[in-house]
Amino acid sequence: MRLSTRSRWLMAAAALLMGALYVLPIWKVALKAPQYPEGLGMEIRIATVTGFKPDDLNNINNLNHYIGMQRIVPESIPELRYFPWIAAGLIALALAAAITGRRWIAGVWVVLLAMLAIAGLADFYRWSYDYGHNLDMENAILKIPGMTYQPPLIGTKKLLNFTATSLPGLGGIAAALALMLGVAALWLDRRRGSSKGARPALVRTPTPDAA
């Protein structure tokens, strides 16, 4: 059975929301400290990592060097090279479900996007763990035995005199909404199928009493 018109429109809207990944940040990490009253921050985008302000990423890298952390070099992060192609494939798949109305395509799309979201969070945790724990203490200016500098996956954490806050960006929120629309499209369509499959109750006509 094909998707209903309403479910197909939901899949089209999901594809449109996924397009936001190309113009809006997927994730944000903000840093606040007394010596930086305006704060510092970086945005993880679909193909690069940038600062909130033009000099933010360079300032973060200088602070990282001070405590022995690696520099954040977008060109050295392999995920940023192939993620735009993965997002394009997901957009195409959502549009295919909307145009053809094939339910199985919508189901595959929902599963793939959910798996990608889980893999992305796991990869970001692994990446931040490596940056926060794999320190070059030999060349670090500030050395605190046992100290690590991994930012939180989601939420706020104190790192020395810095407060680090890690949250989804507008692009990440748009992708989450797209996933919800895909799930809603399948759920509504299943409901429609269930209501069509229900058989009406038989109505018995009374028979006249025998004379």
Foldseek 3Di string as FASTA:
>chain_A
DFFDLVLLVLLLLLLVLLVVLQPWFFKKKWKDFPVCNVTKIWTHGLQFIAIPDNCRLVVVQVVLQQAFFHRDDSVPDVNSVCSVVVSVVLSVLSNCCSVVRHLVSLVVSLVVLVVVVVVVLVVLQVVLQCRFPVGPQVSHNDYDPPATDRADSAAWDDRPRMIMHMDTISSNVSNVVSSVSSVVSNVVRVVVVVVVPDDDDDDDDDDDDDD
